[in-house]
Amino acid sequence: MLAIGFVLGLALAGCGGSDDPKPRTPAGDLRDLEHTTKDEATKAQLERFARVRIPASATNLRSYSRSAMDTQVLVSFEIPRADLDAFVASGNFRRTLTDNDRAIGSTVGGEIGWHLDKAKRVMGLGEVMSGLGRNLVVVLDDPRLAAVYLEAVAL
């Protein structure tokens, strides 16, 4: 009986925690992202939340997050076109990029300078997977670079 009381006491006290008062978990990143705005999230937080790997070759990384009923994260960056397939593969998207698919509305992303309505050649996809909606648009107007725009929403 004493052993059961001891185990219950440890469980209720929250024993077994780490030295880090705020461990890094996807749920922790979600809470952190709910309180960030323009370009405050770390690359690691963005990757865990959106379930992608932002290539090391990425430049002009921008992000924005907001939380109302759901947390929405916007991420944009540019990569060499040669890195596009690896980026899409890193996200384990179930769909493939489709020509002229404007999966993100033209009014989304104005907070961080997105002007998707001005893009001429685009590919995109949209999906919902395990409580996360992801919309991806790739602008291919520059022959050397792919401009990547990703919207991720926790549902």
N, C-alpha and C. Protein backbone atom coordinates (compact mmCIF):
# COMPACT_ATOMS: atom_id res chain seq x y z
N MET A 1 0.82 -1.19 0.00
CA MET A 1 0.00 0.00 0.00
C MET A 1 0.87 1.25 0.00
N LEU A 2 1.95 1.20 0.76
CA LEU A 2 2.86 2.34 0.82
C LEU A 2 3.48 2.61 -0.55
N ALA A 3 3.82 1.55 -1.29
CA ALA A 3 4.42 1.70 -2.62
C ALA A 3 3.45 2.37 -3.59
N ILE A 4 2.20 2.02 -3.54
CA ILE A 4 1.20 2.63 -4.42
C ILE A 4 1.07 4.12 -4.10
N GLY A 5 1.04 4.46 -2.83
CA GLY A 5 0.97 5.87 -2.43
C GLY A 5 2.18 6.66 -2.91
N PHE A 6 3.37 6.03 -2.83
CA PHE A 6 4.59 6.69 -3.27
C PHE A 6 4.55 6.96 -4.77
N VAL A 7 4.14 5.95 -5.56
CA VAL A 7 4.06 6.10 -7.03
C VAL A 7 3.04 7.17 -7.39
N LEU A 8 1.89 7.16 -6.74
CA LEU A 8 0.88 8.19 -7.00
C LEU A 8 1.40 9.57 -6.65
N GLY A 9 2.13 9.66 -5.55
CA GLY A 9 2.69 10.94 -5.15
C GLY A 9 3.68 11.46 -6.19
N LEU A 10 4.52 10.59 -6.71
CA LEU A 10 5.47 11.00 -7.75
C LEU A 10 4.73 11.45 -9.00
N ALA A 11 3.72 10.71 -9.41
CA ALA A 11 2.97 11.06 -10.61
C ALA A 11 2.29 12.42 -10.45
N LEU A 12 1.68 12.66 -9.30
CA LEU A 12 1.00 13.92 -9.08
C LEU A 12 1.97 15.08 -8.97
N ALA A 13 3.17 14.83 -8.49
CA ALA A 13 4.16 15.88 -8.34
C ALA A 13 4.84 16.23 -9.65
N GLY A 14 4.62 15.41 -10.66
CA GLY A 14 5.24 15.68 -11.96
C GLY A 14 6.71 15.33 -11.98
N CYS A 15 7.10 14.37 -11.19
CA CYS A 15 8.50 13.97 -11.12
C CYS A 15 8.92 13.41 -12.47
N GLY A 16 10.21 13.56 -12.79
CA GLY A 16 10.71 13.01 -14.06
C GLY A 16 10.86 14.07 -15.11
N GLY A 17 10.70 15.32 -14.77
CA GLY A 17 10.85 16.39 -15.75
C GLY A 17 12.31 16.58 -16.13
N SER A 18 12.56 17.39 -17.13
CA SER A 18 13.92 17.64 -17.57
C SER A 18 14.44 18.93 -16.95
N ASP A 19 15.73 19.16 -17.15
CA ASP A 19 16.34 20.39 -16.67
C ASP A 19 15.85 21.58 -17.47
N ASP A 20 15.43 21.35 -18.71
CA ASP A 20 14.94 22.41 -19.59
C ASP A 20 13.53 22.76 -19.15
N PRO A 21 13.29 23.99 -18.67
CA PRO A 21 11.96 24.34 -18.19
C PRO A 21 10.94 24.39 -19.31
N LYS A 22 11.38 24.45 -20.55
CA LYS A 22 10.46 24.53 -21.68
C LYS A 22 10.96 23.61 -22.79
N PRO A 23 10.72 22.27 -22.66
CA PRO A 23 11.25 21.35 -23.66
C PRO A 23 10.68 21.63 -25.05
N ARG A 24 11.47 21.33 -26.07
CA ARG A 24 11.07 21.58 -27.45
C ARG A 24 10.27 20.40 -27.96
N THR A 25 9.00 20.60 -28.14
CA THR A 25 8.13 19.59 -28.71
C THR A 25 7.27 20.27 -29.76
N PRO A 26 6.71 19.52 -30.71
CA PRO A 26 5.80 20.15 -31.66
C PRO A 26 4.66 20.88 -30.96
N ALA A 27 4.12 20.31 -29.89
CA ALA A 27 3.04 21.01 -29.17
C ALA A 27 3.57 22.30 -28.56
N GLY A 28 4.79 22.27 -28.04
CA GLY A 28 5.40 23.48 -27.51
C GLY A 28 5.62 24.51 -28.60
N ASP A 29 6.04 24.06 -29.78
CA ASP A 29 6.22 24.98 -30.90
C ASP A 29 4.90 25.60 -31.29
N LEU A 30 3.82 24.82 -31.26
CA LEU A 30 2.51 25.37 -31.58
C LEU A 30 2.15 26.47 -30.61
N ARG A 31 2.37 26.23 -29.32
CA ARG A 31 2.08 27.28 -28.34
C ARG A 31 2.94 28.50 -28.58
N ASP A 32 4.23 28.29 -28.87
CA ASP A 32 5.12 29.42 -29.15
C ASP A 32 4.68 30.17 -30.40
N LEU A 33 4.32 29.43 -31.44
CA LEU A 33 3.92 30.07 -32.70
C LEU A 33 2.63 30.86 -32.54
N GLU A 34 1.79 30.46 -31.62
CA GLU A 34 0.56 31.20 -31.39
C GLU A 34 0.83 32.62 -30.90
N HIS A 35 2.02 32.84 -30.40
CA HIS A 35 2.36 34.15 -29.84
C HIS A 35 3.41 34.89 -30.65
N THR A 36 3.75 34.38 -31.83
CA THR A 36 4.73 35.07 -32.66
C THR A 36 4.00 35.81 -33.77
N THR A 37 4.70 36.71 -34.40
CA THR A 37 4.14 37.41 -35.54
C THR A 37 5.17 37.37 -36.65
N LYS A 38 5.44 38.48 -37.25
CA LYS A 38 6.32 38.54 -38.41
C LYS A 38 7.76 38.16 -38.09
N ASP A 39 8.27 37.12 -38.75
CA ASP A 39 9.66 36.70 -38.70
C ASP A 39 10.20 36.42 -37.30
N GLU A 40 9.35 36.06 -36.35
CA GLU A 40 9.82 35.77 -35.00
C GLU A 40 10.07 34.29 -34.77
N ALA A 41 9.46 33.42 -35.54
CA ALA A 41 9.61 31.99 -35.34
C ALA A 41 10.97 31.53 -35.85
N THR A 42 11.52 30.52 -35.21
CA THR A 42 12.78 29.96 -35.66
C THR A 42 12.54 29.03 -36.86
N LYS A 43 13.58 28.77 -37.60
CA LYS A 43 13.48 27.85 -38.74
C LYS A 43 13.03 26.48 -38.26
N ALA A 44 13.56 26.03 -37.13
CA ALA A 44 13.19 24.72 -36.59
C ALA A 44 11.70 24.68 -36.21
N GLN A 45 11.18 25.74 -35.60
CA GLN A 45 9.76 25.78 -35.27
C GLN A 45 8.92 25.71 -36.53
N LEU A 46 9.30 26.47 -37.54
CA LEU A 46 8.55 26.48 -38.80
C LEU A 46 8.55 25.10 -39.44
N GLU A 47 9.71 24.45 -39.44
CA GLU A 47 9.82 23.12 -40.05
C GLU A 47 8.96 22.10 -39.31
N ARG A 48 9.02 22.12 -37.97
CA ARG A 48 8.22 21.15 -37.21
C ARG A 48 6.73 21.39 -37.38
N PHE A 49 6.32 22.64 -37.34
CA PHE A 49 4.90 22.95 -37.46
C PHE A 49 4.38 22.57 -38.85
N ALA A 50 5.09 22.98 -39.90
CA ALA A 50 4.63 22.75 -41.27
C ALA A 50 5.02 21.37 -41.81
N ARG A 51 5.83 20.63 -41.04
CA ARG A 51 6.25 19.28 -41.43
C ARG A 51 7.01 19.28 -42.76
N VAL A 52 7.97 20.17 -42.87
CA VAL A 52 8.83 20.25 -44.05
C VAL A 52 10.26 20.49 -43.60
N ARG A 53 11.19 20.40 -44.52
CA ARG A 53 12.59 20.77 -44.29
C ARG A 53 12.90 21.93 -45.23
N ILE A 54 13.22 23.07 -44.67
CA ILE A 54 13.59 24.22 -45.47
C ILE A 54 15.04 24.01 -45.89
N PRO A 55 15.31 23.99 -47.20
CA PRO A 55 16.67 23.69 -47.67
C PRO A 55 17.70 24.70 -47.16
N ALA A 56 18.92 24.23 -46.99
CA ALA A 56 20.02 25.11 -46.56
C ALA A 56 20.25 26.21 -47.59
N SER A 57 19.88 25.96 -48.84
CA SER A 57 20.08 26.94 -49.91
C SER A 57 19.02 28.04 -49.91
N ALA A 58 18.05 27.95 -49.01
CA ALA A 58 16.95 28.93 -48.99
C ALA A 58 17.46 30.32 -48.63
N THR A 59 16.96 31.31 -49.35
CA THR A 59 17.27 32.71 -49.06
C THR A 59 15.95 33.46 -48.91
N ASN A 60 16.03 34.65 -48.36
CA ASN A 60 14.85 35.51 -48.17
C ASN A 60 13.74 34.81 -47.40
N LEU A 61 14.11 34.08 -46.35
CA LEU A 61 13.13 33.37 -45.53
C LEU A 61 12.29 34.40 -44.77
N ARG A 62 10.98 34.30 -44.92
CA ARG A 62 10.03 35.18 -44.23
C ARG A 62 8.97 34.30 -43.59
N SER A 63 8.45 34.73 -42.47
CA SER A 63 7.37 33.98 -41.84
C SER A 63 6.43 34.93 -41.13
N TYR A 64 5.25 34.43 -40.92
CA TYR A 64 4.23 35.17 -40.19
C TYR A 64 3.31 34.14 -39.58
N SER A 65 2.91 34.35 -38.35
CA SER A 65 1.95 33.44 -37.74
C SER A 65 0.92 34.23 -36.97
N ARG A 66 -0.25 33.64 -36.90
CA ARG A 66 -1.33 34.26 -36.13
C ARG A 66 -2.23 33.14 -35.62
N SER A 67 -2.92 33.46 -34.56
CA SER A 67 -3.81 32.48 -33.97
C SER A 67 -5.14 33.13 -33.66
N ALA A 68 -6.18 32.55 -34.18
CA ALA A 68 -7.54 32.93 -33.83
C ALA A 68 -8.15 31.63 -33.30
N MET A 69 -9.04 31.03 -34.07
CA MET A 69 -9.53 29.71 -33.69
C MET A 69 -8.49 28.65 -34.01
N ASP A 70 -7.74 28.85 -35.08
CA ASP A 70 -6.69 27.93 -35.50
C ASP A 70 -5.40 28.72 -35.66
N THR A 71 -4.27 28.05 -35.52
CA THR A 71 -2.99 28.71 -35.74
C THR A 71 -2.63 28.58 -37.21
N GLN A 72 -2.29 29.72 -37.82
CA GLN A 72 -1.89 29.76 -39.22
C GLN A 72 -0.45 30.25 -39.29
N VAL A 73 0.36 29.55 -40.07
CA VAL A 73 1.75 29.93 -40.28
C VAL A 73 1.97 30.10 -41.77
N LEU A 74 2.56 31.23 -42.14
CA LEU A 74 2.93 31.51 -43.52
C LEU A 74 4.45 31.52 -43.60
N VAL A 75 5.00 30.84 -44.58
CA VAL A 75 6.44 30.77 -44.77
C VAL A 75 6.73 30.97 -46.24
N SER A 76 7.71 31.82 -46.53
CA SER A 76 8.13 31.97 -47.92
C SER A 76 9.65 32.07 -47.97
N PHE A 77 10.20 31.61 -49.08
CA PHE A 77 11.64 31.67 -49.30
C PHE A 77 11.91 31.39 -50.78
N GLU A 78 13.13 31.60 -51.18
CA GLU A 78 13.56 31.29 -52.55
C GLU A 78 14.64 30.23 -52.48
N ILE A 79 14.60 29.30 -53.46
CA ILE A 79 15.62 28.27 -53.56
C ILE A 79 15.98 28.09 -55.03
N PRO A 80 17.18 27.58 -55.30
CA PRO A 80 17.50 27.23 -56.68
C PRO A 80 16.50 26.20 -57.18
N ARG A 81 16.13 26.28 -58.43
CA ARG A 81 15.15 25.33 -58.97
C ARG A 81 15.58 23.88 -58.78
N ALA A 82 16.89 23.65 -58.80
CA ALA A 82 17.39 22.28 -58.64
C ALA A 82 17.03 21.69 -57.27
N ASP A 83 16.73 22.52 -56.28
CA ASP A 83 16.40 22.05 -54.94
C ASP A 83 14.90 21.87 -54.71
N LEU A 84 14.09 22.22 -55.68
CA LEU A 84 12.64 22.18 -55.49
C LEU A 84 12.11 20.77 -55.23
N ASP A 85 12.52 19.80 -56.03
CA ASP A 85 12.01 18.43 -55.85
C ASP A 85 12.35 17.88 -54.47
N ALA A 86 13.57 18.13 -53.99
CA ALA A 86 13.97 17.65 -52.66
C ALA A 86 13.13 18.33 -51.57
N PHE A 87 12.85 19.62 -51.74
CA PHE A 87 12.02 20.30 -50.75
C PHE A 87 10.63 19.67 -50.69
N VAL A 88 10.01 19.48 -51.85
CA VAL A 88 8.66 18.89 -51.87
C VAL A 88 8.69 17.49 -51.27
N ALA A 89 9.72 16.71 -51.60
CA ALA A 89 9.84 15.35 -51.04
C ALA A 89 9.99 15.40 -49.51
N SER A 90 10.70 16.42 -49.00
CA SER A 90 10.91 16.52 -47.55
C SER A 90 9.61 16.71 -46.79
N GLY A 91 8.60 17.26 -47.46
CA GLY A 91 7.33 17.51 -46.82
C GLY A 91 6.38 16.34 -46.84
N ASN A 92 6.78 15.25 -47.52
CA ASN A 92 5.92 14.07 -47.62
C ASN A 92 4.50 14.43 -48.04
N PHE A 93 4.40 15.34 -48.99
CA PHE A 93 3.08 15.70 -49.51
C PHE A 93 2.49 14.49 -50.22
N ARG A 94 1.21 14.30 -50.09
CA ARG A 94 0.53 13.17 -50.74
C ARG A 94 0.12 13.51 -52.16
N ARG A 95 0.14 14.78 -52.48
CA ARG A 95 -0.21 15.21 -53.83
C ARG A 95 1.04 15.74 -54.50
N THR A 96 0.97 15.89 -55.81
CA THR A 96 2.09 16.47 -56.55
C THR A 96 1.74 17.89 -56.96
N LEU A 97 2.78 18.67 -57.21
CA LEU A 97 2.56 20.04 -57.69
C LEU A 97 1.86 19.98 -59.04
N THR A 98 0.88 20.85 -59.22
CA THR A 98 0.09 20.90 -60.44
C THR A 98 0.22 22.29 -61.05
N ASP A 99 0.47 22.31 -62.37
CA ASP A 99 0.55 23.59 -63.08
C ASP A 99 -0.71 24.41 -62.87
N ASN A 100 -0.51 25.70 -62.68
CA ASN A 100 -1.58 26.69 -62.54
C ASN A 100 -2.48 26.49 -61.32
N ASP A 101 -2.05 25.69 -60.36
CA ASP A 101 -2.83 25.51 -59.13
C ASP A 101 -2.43 26.61 -58.15
N ARG A 102 -3.31 27.54 -57.93
CA ARG A 102 -3.08 28.64 -56.99
C ARG A 102 -3.74 28.26 -55.66
N ALA A 103 -3.08 27.34 -54.97
CA ALA A 103 -3.63 26.76 -53.75
C ALA A 103 -3.75 27.76 -52.60
N ILE A 104 -3.07 28.89 -52.71
CA ILE A 104 -3.14 29.93 -51.69
C ILE A 104 -3.84 31.13 -52.31
N GLY A 105 -4.84 31.65 -51.63
CA GLY A 105 -5.59 32.79 -52.14
C GLY A 105 -4.71 34.01 -52.36
N SER A 106 -5.07 34.82 -53.32
CA SER A 106 -4.24 35.98 -53.68
C SER A 106 -4.19 37.04 -52.58
N THR A 107 -5.11 36.99 -51.63
CA THR A 107 -5.09 37.98 -50.55
C THR A 107 -4.30 37.52 -49.33
N VAL A 108 -3.86 36.27 -49.32
CA VAL A 108 -3.11 35.72 -48.20
C VAL A 108 -1.66 36.20 -48.28
N GLY A 109 -1.08 36.53 -47.15
CA GLY A 109 0.34 36.85 -47.07
C GLY A 109 0.72 38.30 -47.27
N GLY A 110 -0.24 39.17 -47.38
CA GLY A 110 0.07 40.58 -47.53
C GLY A 110 0.91 41.13 -46.38
N GLU A 111 0.77 40.50 -45.20
CA GLU A 111 1.52 40.95 -44.02
C GLU A 111 3.03 40.85 -44.21
N ILE A 112 3.44 39.92 -45.07
CA ILE A 112 4.89 39.74 -45.29
C ILE A 112 5.28 39.95 -46.75
N GLY A 113 4.46 40.71 -47.46
CA GLY A 113 4.84 41.11 -48.81
C GLY A 113 4.52 40.13 -49.92
N TRP A 114 3.64 39.17 -49.66
CA TRP A 114 3.28 38.26 -50.73
C TRP A 114 2.37 38.97 -51.72
N HIS A 115 2.60 38.75 -52.99
CA HIS A 115 1.75 39.28 -54.06
C HIS A 115 1.54 38.16 -55.08
N LEU A 116 0.88 37.11 -54.65
CA LEU A 116 0.71 35.93 -55.50
C LEU A 116 -0.15 36.22 -56.72
N ASP A 117 -0.97 37.26 -56.65
CA ASP A 117 -1.81 37.59 -57.80
C ASP A 117 -0.97 38.09 -58.98
N LYS A 118 0.27 38.51 -58.73
CA LYS A 118 1.13 39.01 -59.80
C LYS A 118 1.99 37.92 -60.44
N ALA A 119 1.97 36.71 -59.88
CA ALA A 119 2.77 35.61 -60.42
C ALA A 119 2.20 35.15 -61.75
N LYS A 120 3.10 34.85 -62.68
CA LYS A 120 2.67 34.40 -64.01
C LYS A 120 2.67 32.88 -64.12
N ARG A 121 3.75 32.23 -63.73
CA ARG A 121 3.83 30.76 -63.83
C ARG A 121 3.88 30.18 -62.42
N VAL A 122 2.85 29.43 -62.07
CA VAL A 122 2.77 28.84 -60.73
C VAL A 122 2.45 27.36 -60.80
N MET A 123 2.86 26.68 -59.75
CA MET A 123 2.47 25.29 -59.51
C MET A 123 2.01 25.26 -58.06
N GLY A 124 1.09 24.38 -57.74
CA GLY A 124 0.62 24.34 -56.37
C GLY A 124 -0.02 23.03 -55.99
N LEU A 125 -0.32 22.94 -54.71
CA LEU A 125 -1.05 21.79 -54.18
C LEU A 125 -1.63 22.19 -52.85
N GLY A 126 -2.66 21.51 -52.46
CA GLY A 126 -3.29 21.71 -51.16
C GLY A 126 -3.69 20.37 -50.59
N GLU A 127 -3.57 20.22 -49.27
CA GLU A 127 -3.94 18.96 -48.65
C GLU A 127 -4.23 19.18 -47.17
N VAL A 128 -4.95 18.24 -46.60
CA VAL A 128 -5.17 18.18 -45.16
C VAL A 128 -4.70 16.81 -44.73
N MET A 129 -3.82 16.80 -43.72
CA MET A 129 -3.26 15.54 -43.26
C MET A 129 -3.04 15.61 -41.76
N SER A 130 -3.65 14.70 -41.05
CA SER A 130 -3.46 14.58 -39.59
C SER A 130 -3.60 15.91 -38.86
N GLY A 131 -4.68 16.62 -39.12
CA GLY A 131 -4.97 17.85 -38.41
C GLY A 131 -4.19 19.07 -38.86
N LEU A 132 -3.51 18.97 -39.99
CA LEU A 132 -2.76 20.10 -40.52
C LEU A 132 -3.12 20.31 -41.98
N GLY A 133 -3.63 21.49 -42.29
CA GLY A 133 -3.88 21.86 -43.68
C GLY A 133 -2.65 22.56 -44.23
N ARG A 134 -2.19 22.13 -45.40
CA ARG A 134 -1.02 22.76 -46.02
C ARG A 134 -1.35 23.12 -47.46
N ASN A 135 -1.07 24.36 -47.80
CA ASN A 135 -1.23 24.85 -49.16
C ASN A 135 0.12 25.36 -49.61
N LEU A 136 0.56 24.89 -50.77
CA LEU A 136 1.88 25.22 -51.28
C LEU A 136 1.73 25.81 -52.67
N VAL A 137 2.37 26.95 -52.90
CA VAL A 137 2.45 27.56 -54.22
C VAL A 137 3.92 27.83 -54.51
N VAL A 138 4.34 27.44 -55.70
CA VAL A 138 5.70 27.70 -56.15
C VAL A 138 5.61 28.58 -57.38
N VAL A 139 6.27 29.73 -57.33
CA VAL A 139 6.28 30.67 -58.45
C VAL A 139 7.57 30.44 -59.24
N LEU A 140 7.43 30.22 -60.53
CA LEU A 140 8.56 29.90 -61.39
C LEU A 140 8.81 30.99 -62.43
N ASP A 141 8.55 32.24 -62.07
CA ASP A 141 8.76 33.35 -63.00
C ASP A 141 10.23 33.61 -63.28
N ASP A 142 11.11 33.31 -62.32
CA ASP A 142 12.55 33.47 -62.49
C ASP A 142 13.11 32.14 -62.99
N PRO A 143 13.86 32.12 -64.07
CA PRO A 143 14.36 30.85 -64.62
C PRO A 143 15.37 30.14 -63.72
N ARG A 144 15.96 30.83 -62.76
CA ARG A 144 16.96 30.22 -61.88
C ARG A 144 16.43 29.84 -60.52
N LEU A 145 15.44 30.58 -60.04
CA LEU A 145 14.95 30.40 -58.67
C LEU A 145 13.49 29.99 -58.64
N ALA A 146 13.15 29.25 -57.61
CA ALA A 146 11.76 28.93 -57.30
C ALA A 146 11.39 29.71 -56.05
N ALA A 147 10.34 30.50 -56.11
CA ALA A 147 9.83 31.22 -54.96
C ALA A 147 8.76 30.33 -54.32
N VAL A 148 8.98 29.94 -53.08
CA VAL A 148 8.13 28.98 -52.39
C VAL A 148 7.26 29.73 -51.38
N TYR A 149 5.96 29.45 -51.40
CA TYR A 149 5.00 30.04 -50.48
C TYR A 149 4.21 28.89 -49.85
N LEU A 150 4.25 28.81 -48.53
CA LEU A 150 3.60 27.73 -47.83
C LEU A 150 2.70 28.30 -46.74
N GLU A 151 1.47 27.84 -46.73
CA GLU A 151 0.52 28.18 -45.68
C GLU A 151 0.21 26.89 -44.94
N ALA A 152 0.40 26.88 -43.63
CA ALA A 152 0.08 25.71 -42.82
C ALA A 152 -0.89 26.15 -41.72
N VAL A 153 -1.97 25.39 -41.55
CA VAL A 153 -2.99 25.72 -40.58
C VAL A 153 -3.30 24.50 -39.72
N ALA A 154 -3.17 24.65 -38.42
CA ALA A 154 -3.54 23.57 -37.50
C ALA A 154 -5.06 23.57 -37.42
N LEU A 155 -5.65 22.44 -37.71
CA LEU A 155 -7.11 22.33 -37.72
C LEU A 155 -7.63 21.65 -36.47
